[in-house]
């Protein structure tokens, strides 16, 4: 799979929707790849890998970037579920001895194809 984070500065445009300011700007982000966070399990990541949840860069959109599964997206995107249930993933947080002060979930880039609730 081609990652949308490869050549992140080339041919990208910012997401149309902007995220509100984070209330956690002074706290370390324990869910970032750069400090060792990783996905232990994901029920499905057919269209876009769950590891994309762990990137600290703002969302970008590359209009002409496709892979074998279809349009490359930079969030976690699963196939449409035909059976009852939910898609989910387990993330191992990074860092050493961090304390979780809150959870931030940003769906600003997923318009029209977002989950009904979190």
N, C-alpha and C. Protein backbone atom coordinates (compact mmCIF):
# COMPACT_ATOMS: atom_id res chain seq x y z
N UNK A 1 0.84 -1.18 0.00
CA UNK A 1 0.00 0.00 0.00
C UNK A 1 0.88 1.24 0.00
N UNK A 2 0.54 2.21 -0.79
CA UNK A 2 1.25 3.47 -0.84
C UNK A 2 0.72 4.35 0.28
N UNK A 3 1.60 4.93 1.06
CA UNK A 3 1.18 5.78 2.17
C UNK A 3 1.01 7.20 1.69
N UNK A 4 -0.04 7.87 2.14
CA UNK A 4 -0.24 9.27 1.78
C UNK A 4 0.76 10.16 2.49
N UNK A 5 1.52 9.60 3.44
CA UNK A 5 2.50 10.41 4.15
C UNK A 5 3.86 10.37 3.47
N UNK A 6 4.00 9.59 2.40
CA UNK A 6 5.21 9.64 1.62
C UNK A 6 5.18 10.93 0.82
N UNK A 7 6.28 11.63 0.79
CA UNK A 7 6.36 12.92 0.09
C UNK A 7 5.23 13.83 0.52
N UNK A 8 5.04 13.98 1.82
CA UNK A 8 3.90 14.71 2.36
C UNK A 8 3.83 16.16 1.91
N UNK A 9 4.94 16.74 1.51
CA UNK A 9 4.92 18.14 1.10
C UNK A 9 4.75 18.31 -0.40
N UNK A 10 4.77 17.22 -1.15
CA UNK A 10 4.68 17.31 -2.61
C UNK A 10 3.25 17.01 -3.08
N UNK A 11 2.63 17.94 -3.76
CA UNK A 11 1.33 17.70 -4.38
C UNK A 11 0.18 17.55 -3.42
N UNK A 12 0.31 18.05 -2.22
CA UNK A 12 -0.76 17.90 -1.24
C UNK A 12 -1.51 19.21 -1.08
N UNK A 13 -2.74 19.10 -0.67
CA UNK A 13 -3.53 20.26 -0.31
C UNK A 13 -4.10 20.02 1.07
N UNK A 14 -4.23 21.08 1.86
CA UNK A 14 -4.77 20.87 3.21
C UNK A 14 -6.21 20.35 3.14
N UNK A 15 -6.62 19.68 4.19
CA UNK A 15 -8.00 19.22 4.28
C UNK A 15 -8.92 20.42 4.25
N UNK A 16 -10.10 20.26 3.69
CA UNK A 16 -11.05 21.37 3.58
C UNK A 16 -11.60 21.79 4.94
N UNK A 17 -11.77 20.84 5.82
CA UNK A 17 -12.28 21.16 7.15
C UNK A 17 -11.11 21.28 8.10
N UNK A 18 -11.13 22.30 8.92
CA UNK A 18 -10.05 22.48 9.87
C UNK A 18 -10.49 21.97 11.24
N UNK A 19 -9.55 21.37 11.93
CA UNK A 19 -9.83 20.88 13.27
C UNK A 19 -9.86 22.05 14.24
N UNK A 20 -10.69 21.96 15.26
CA UNK A 20 -10.65 23.00 16.30
C UNK A 20 -9.33 22.90 17.05
N UNK A 21 -8.94 23.96 17.73
CA UNK A 21 -7.69 23.89 18.51
C UNK A 21 -7.76 22.76 19.54
N UNK A 22 -6.64 22.08 19.71
CA UNK A 22 -6.59 20.97 20.66
C UNK A 22 -6.49 21.50 22.09
N UNK A 23 -7.26 20.92 23.00
CA UNK A 23 -7.12 21.32 24.41
C UNK A 23 -5.89 20.68 25.05
N UNK A 24 -5.16 19.85 24.30
CA UNK A 24 -4.03 19.11 24.87
C UNK A 24 -2.69 19.55 24.28
N UNK A 25 -2.57 20.79 23.85
CA UNK A 25 -1.34 21.23 23.18
C UNK A 25 -0.11 21.18 24.08
N UNK A 26 -0.28 21.32 25.38
CA UNK A 26 0.88 21.29 26.28
C UNK A 26 1.17 19.90 26.81
N UNK A 27 0.39 18.92 26.44
CA UNK A 27 0.59 17.54 26.91
C UNK A 27 1.28 16.72 25.83
N UNK A 28 2.11 15.74 26.21
CA UNK A 28 2.70 14.86 25.20
C UNK A 28 1.61 13.99 24.57
N UNK A 29 1.76 13.72 23.30
CA UNK A 29 0.79 12.88 22.59
C UNK A 29 1.30 11.45 22.63
N UNK A 30 0.73 10.64 23.48
CA UNK A 30 1.19 9.27 23.68
C UNK A 30 0.82 8.35 22.53
N UNK A 31 0.00 8.83 21.61
CA UNK A 31 -0.44 7.98 20.51
C UNK A 31 0.29 8.30 19.20
N UNK A 32 1.49 8.83 19.27
CA UNK A 32 2.23 9.15 18.05
C UNK A 32 3.27 8.07 17.73
N UNK A 33 3.40 7.77 16.45
CA UNK A 33 4.41 6.81 15.99
C UNK A 33 5.80 7.21 16.43
N UNK A 34 6.07 8.51 16.46
CA UNK A 34 7.42 8.99 16.75
C UNK A 34 7.89 8.64 18.15
N UNK A 35 6.98 8.33 19.08
CA UNK A 35 7.41 7.95 20.43
C UNK A 35 7.11 6.49 20.72
N UNK A 36 6.83 5.73 19.67
CA UNK A 36 6.69 4.29 19.83
C UNK A 36 5.28 3.73 19.89
N UNK A 37 4.27 4.54 19.72
CA UNK A 37 2.90 4.01 19.69
C UNK A 37 2.73 3.14 18.45
N UNK A 38 1.90 2.12 18.55
CA UNK A 38 1.61 1.30 17.37
C UNK A 38 0.28 0.59 17.54
N UNK A 39 -0.27 0.18 16.41
CA UNK A 39 -1.54 -0.53 16.39
C UNK A 39 -1.26 -2.01 16.65
N UNK A 40 -1.89 -2.55 17.67
CA UNK A 40 -1.75 -3.97 17.98
C UNK A 40 -2.70 -4.83 17.15
N UNK A 41 -3.89 -4.29 16.89
CA UNK A 41 -4.91 -5.05 16.16
C UNK A 41 -5.92 -4.07 15.56
N UNK A 42 -6.40 -4.37 14.39
CA UNK A 42 -7.49 -3.63 13.77
C UNK A 42 -8.40 -4.63 13.07
N UNK A 43 -9.71 -4.46 13.22
CA UNK A 43 -10.64 -5.39 12.61
C UNK A 43 -10.57 -5.35 11.09
N UNK A 44 -10.23 -4.21 10.53
CA UNK A 44 -10.19 -4.05 9.08
C UNK A 44 -9.44 -2.76 8.77
N UNK A 45 -8.56 -2.80 7.80
CA UNK A 45 -7.98 -1.55 7.30
C UNK A 45 -7.76 -1.66 5.80
N UNK A 46 -8.83 -2.05 5.13
CA UNK A 46 -8.80 -2.29 3.69
C UNK A 46 -8.46 -1.04 2.90
N UNK A 47 -9.13 0.07 3.19
CA UNK A 47 -8.92 1.28 2.40
C UNK A 47 -7.79 2.16 2.93
N UNK A 48 -7.62 2.22 4.23
CA UNK A 48 -6.56 3.03 4.80
C UNK A 48 -6.18 2.42 6.15
N UNK A 49 -4.89 2.25 6.36
CA UNK A 49 -4.36 1.55 7.52
C UNK A 49 -4.66 2.27 8.83
N UNK A 50 -4.92 1.50 9.86
CA UNK A 50 -5.18 2.05 11.19
C UNK A 50 -3.97 2.82 11.72
N UNK A 51 -2.77 2.50 11.26
CA UNK A 51 -1.57 3.24 11.67
C UNK A 51 -1.67 4.72 11.33
N UNK A 52 -2.51 5.06 10.37
CA UNK A 52 -2.70 6.47 10.02
C UNK A 52 -3.26 7.28 11.19
N UNK A 53 -3.88 6.61 12.14
CA UNK A 53 -4.40 7.30 13.33
C UNK A 53 -3.27 7.86 14.17
N UNK A 54 -2.06 7.36 13.98
CA UNK A 54 -0.94 7.70 14.85
C UNK A 54 0.00 8.76 14.28
N UNK A 55 -0.32 9.29 13.11
CA UNK A 55 0.50 10.35 12.52
C UNK A 55 0.18 11.69 13.19
N UNK A 56 1.22 12.47 13.42
CA UNK A 56 1.01 13.77 14.09
C UNK A 56 0.84 14.91 13.11
N UNK A 57 0.94 14.64 11.82
CA UNK A 57 0.81 15.69 10.81
C UNK A 57 -0.65 16.00 10.55
N UNK A 58 -0.95 17.23 10.13
CA UNK A 58 -2.34 17.56 9.80
C UNK A 58 -2.81 16.74 8.59
N UNK A 59 -4.11 16.53 8.46
CA UNK A 59 -4.60 15.76 7.31
C UNK A 59 -4.33 16.48 6.00
N UNK A 60 -4.00 15.71 4.98
CA UNK A 60 -3.79 16.25 3.64
C UNK A 60 -4.58 15.41 2.65
N UNK A 61 -4.78 15.96 1.47
CA UNK A 61 -5.51 15.25 0.43
C UNK A 61 -4.69 15.34 -0.85
N UNK A 62 -4.37 14.19 -1.44
CA UNK A 62 -3.63 14.15 -2.70
C UNK A 62 -4.59 13.61 -3.75
N UNK A 63 -5.11 14.50 -4.60
CA UNK A 63 -6.19 14.12 -5.51
C UNK A 63 -5.90 12.91 -6.40
N UNK A 64 -4.68 12.76 -6.87
CA UNK A 64 -4.38 11.71 -7.84
C UNK A 64 -3.62 10.52 -7.25
N UNK A 65 -3.63 10.34 -5.94
CA UNK A 65 -2.89 9.24 -5.33
C UNK A 65 -3.82 8.06 -5.04
N UNK A 66 -3.55 6.94 -5.72
CA UNK A 66 -4.34 5.72 -5.58
C UNK A 66 -3.42 4.55 -5.30
N UNK A 67 -3.98 3.51 -4.68
CA UNK A 67 -3.26 2.26 -4.45
C UNK A 67 -4.16 1.13 -4.94
N UNK A 68 -3.77 -0.10 -4.70
CA UNK A 68 -4.56 -1.23 -5.20
C UNK A 68 -5.95 -1.30 -4.57
N UNK A 69 -6.13 -0.74 -3.37
CA UNK A 69 -7.42 -0.76 -2.70
C UNK A 69 -8.32 0.40 -3.12
N UNK A 70 -7.78 1.39 -3.78
CA UNK A 70 -8.57 2.55 -4.20
C UNK A 70 -7.89 3.85 -3.81
N UNK A 71 -8.66 4.87 -3.55
CA UNK A 71 -8.15 6.19 -3.21
C UNK A 71 -7.38 6.15 -1.89
N UNK A 72 -6.18 6.72 -1.89
CA UNK A 72 -5.37 6.75 -0.66
C UNK A 72 -5.90 7.85 0.25
N UNK A 73 -6.20 7.47 1.47
CA UNK A 73 -6.69 8.42 2.48
C UNK A 73 -5.70 8.42 3.63
N UNK A 74 -5.69 9.47 4.42
CA UNK A 74 -4.70 9.51 5.50
C UNK A 74 -5.31 9.34 6.89
N UNK A 75 -6.49 8.82 6.97
CA UNK A 75 -7.07 8.41 8.24
C UNK A 75 -7.23 6.90 8.21
N UNK A 76 -7.99 6.35 9.12
CA UNK A 76 -8.27 4.91 9.11
C UNK A 76 -9.62 4.72 8.44
N UNK A 77 -9.63 3.95 7.37
CA UNK A 77 -10.88 3.73 6.65
C UNK A 77 -11.04 2.25 6.35
N UNK A 78 -12.18 1.71 6.75
CA UNK A 78 -12.47 0.29 6.58
C UNK A 78 -13.47 0.09 5.44
N UNK A 79 -13.64 -1.17 5.07
CA UNK A 79 -14.69 -1.49 4.10
C UNK A 79 -16.06 -1.27 4.74
N UNK A 80 -17.06 -1.06 3.92
CA UNK A 80 -18.42 -0.94 4.43
C UNK A 80 -18.81 -2.27 5.07
N UNK A 81 -19.28 -2.19 6.28
CA UNK A 81 -19.65 -3.39 7.04
C UNK A 81 -21.04 -3.85 6.62
N UNK A 82 -21.15 -5.10 6.21
CA UNK A 82 -22.42 -5.68 5.77
C UNK A 82 -23.10 -6.46 6.89
N UNK A 83 -22.35 -6.85 7.90
CA UNK A 83 -22.88 -7.63 9.01
C UNK A 83 -22.94 -6.75 10.26
N UNK A 84 -23.74 -7.13 11.24
CA UNK A 84 -23.80 -6.35 12.49
C UNK A 84 -22.43 -6.28 13.16
N UNK A 85 -22.21 -5.22 13.89
CA UNK A 85 -20.96 -5.06 14.61
C UNK A 85 -20.30 -3.74 14.28
N UNK A 86 -19.11 -3.56 14.79
CA UNK A 86 -18.37 -2.32 14.61
C UNK A 86 -16.93 -2.64 14.27
N UNK A 87 -16.26 -1.72 13.61
CA UNK A 87 -14.82 -1.84 13.41
C UNK A 87 -14.14 -1.15 14.57
N UNK A 88 -13.02 -1.71 15.00
CA UNK A 88 -12.29 -1.16 16.13
C UNK A 88 -10.82 -1.53 16.02
N UNK A 89 -10.01 -0.84 16.78
CA UNK A 89 -8.59 -1.16 16.82
C UNK A 89 -8.07 -0.99 18.25
N UNK A 90 -6.95 -1.65 18.50
CA UNK A 90 -6.27 -1.54 19.80
C UNK A 90 -4.94 -0.86 19.55
N UNK A 91 -4.68 0.22 20.27
CA UNK A 91 -3.46 1.00 20.11
C UNK A 91 -2.63 0.89 21.38
N UNK A 92 -1.36 0.53 21.22
CA UNK A 92 -0.43 0.55 22.35
C UNK A 92 0.20 1.94 22.35
N UNK A 93 0.02 2.65 23.45
CA UNK A 93 0.57 3.99 23.55
C UNK A 93 2.08 3.95 23.68
N UNK A 94 2.73 5.01 23.24
CA UNK A 94 4.18 5.12 23.32
C UNK A 94 4.60 5.91 24.54
N UNK A 95 5.87 6.22 24.61
CA UNK A 95 6.39 7.00 25.73
C UNK A 95 6.71 6.11 26.92
N UNK A 96 7.25 6.74 27.91
CA UNK A 96 7.66 6.03 29.12
C UNK A 96 6.92 6.61 30.31
N UNK A 97 5.98 5.88 30.84
CA UNK A 97 5.29 6.31 32.05
C UNK A 97 4.36 7.50 31.88
N UNK A 98 3.82 7.68 30.71
CA UNK A 98 2.90 8.79 30.49
C UNK A 98 1.57 8.58 31.19
N UNK A 99 0.90 9.67 31.48
CA UNK A 99 -0.41 9.62 32.10
C UNK A 99 -1.43 10.17 31.11
N UNK A 100 -2.48 9.39 30.84
CA UNK A 100 -3.52 9.83 29.91
C UNK A 100 -4.36 10.90 30.60
N UNK A 101 -4.35 12.11 30.03
CA UNK A 101 -5.12 13.22 30.57
C UNK A 101 -6.41 13.45 29.79
N UNK A 102 -6.50 12.87 28.62
CA UNK A 102 -7.70 13.04 27.80
C UNK A 102 -7.52 12.34 26.48
N UNK A 103 -8.59 12.24 25.73
CA UNK A 103 -8.58 11.61 24.42
C UNK A 103 -9.16 12.59 23.41
N UNK A 104 -8.45 12.77 22.31
CA UNK A 104 -8.90 13.67 21.25
C UNK A 104 -9.12 12.85 19.99
N UNK A 105 -10.30 12.95 19.41
CA UNK A 105 -10.63 12.25 18.17
C UNK A 105 -11.03 13.31 17.16
N UNK A 106 -10.26 13.41 16.09
CA UNK A 106 -10.47 14.43 15.07
C UNK A 106 -11.00 13.78 13.80
N UNK A 107 -12.23 14.08 13.43
CA UNK A 107 -12.82 13.54 12.20
C UNK A 107 -13.05 14.64 11.16
N UNK A 108 -12.33 15.75 11.28
CA UNK A 108 -12.56 16.90 10.41
C UNK A 108 -12.40 16.56 8.93
N UNK A 109 -11.48 15.68 8.60
CA UNK A 109 -11.22 15.38 7.19
C UNK A 109 -12.22 14.39 6.60
N UNK A 110 -12.96 13.69 7.44
CA UNK A 110 -13.89 12.68 6.94
C UNK A 110 -15.29 13.27 6.87
N UNK A 111 -15.58 13.92 5.78
CA UNK A 111 -16.91 14.49 5.58
C UNK A 111 -17.67 13.62 4.61
N UNK A 112 -18.87 13.22 5.01
CA UNK A 112 -19.70 12.39 4.14
C UNK A 112 -19.37 10.92 4.23
N UNK A 113 -18.27 10.58 4.86
CA UNK A 113 -17.88 9.18 4.98
C UNK A 113 -17.35 8.93 6.40
N UNK A 114 -18.04 9.49 7.36
CA UNK A 114 -17.59 9.40 8.74
C UNK A 114 -18.54 8.52 9.55
N UNK A 115 -18.06 8.12 10.71
CA UNK A 115 -18.89 7.29 11.58
C UNK A 115 -20.02 8.13 12.16
N UNK A 116 -21.17 7.55 12.42
CA UNK A 116 -22.28 8.32 12.97
C UNK A 116 -22.04 8.77 14.41
N UNK A 117 -21.24 8.02 15.13
CA UNK A 117 -20.92 8.41 16.51
C UNK A 117 -19.65 7.72 16.96
N UNK A 118 -19.04 8.30 17.99
CA UNK A 118 -17.81 7.73 18.54
C UNK A 118 -18.06 7.50 20.01
